[in-house]
């Protein structure tokens, strides 16, 4: 995710492709930063929602691991439910993502770019 002049982007594209495969030119300078910040915000929100859903499932008597398996086979599946949630115990706090406030600040800061 990057922003900047289209001609410069085209000139840099061969180098960018040599170091990565998911390259997205978003628009003007700062647009890549904003896109990444918003993506991180969505990821954090989804992670927290998935963790809360698993917690509620456990409190309702559902097996948390089976619950996550069922979610991952249906429309609730996400990167969080596939990569993060199954690797945590049912009572482990979500401290690594508890900083939603910092994610909001990151997004706001990105909005001032360009």
Foldseek 3Di string as FASTA:
>chain_A
DFEDDPVVCVVCVVVVVVVDPDDDYQYHGLRVQLVVLVVVLVVLVLLVVLLVVLLVCVVVPHDSLVVLVVCCVDDSNDCNSVPPVVVDDNPDDPVVSPPSVVSVVSNVVSVVTD
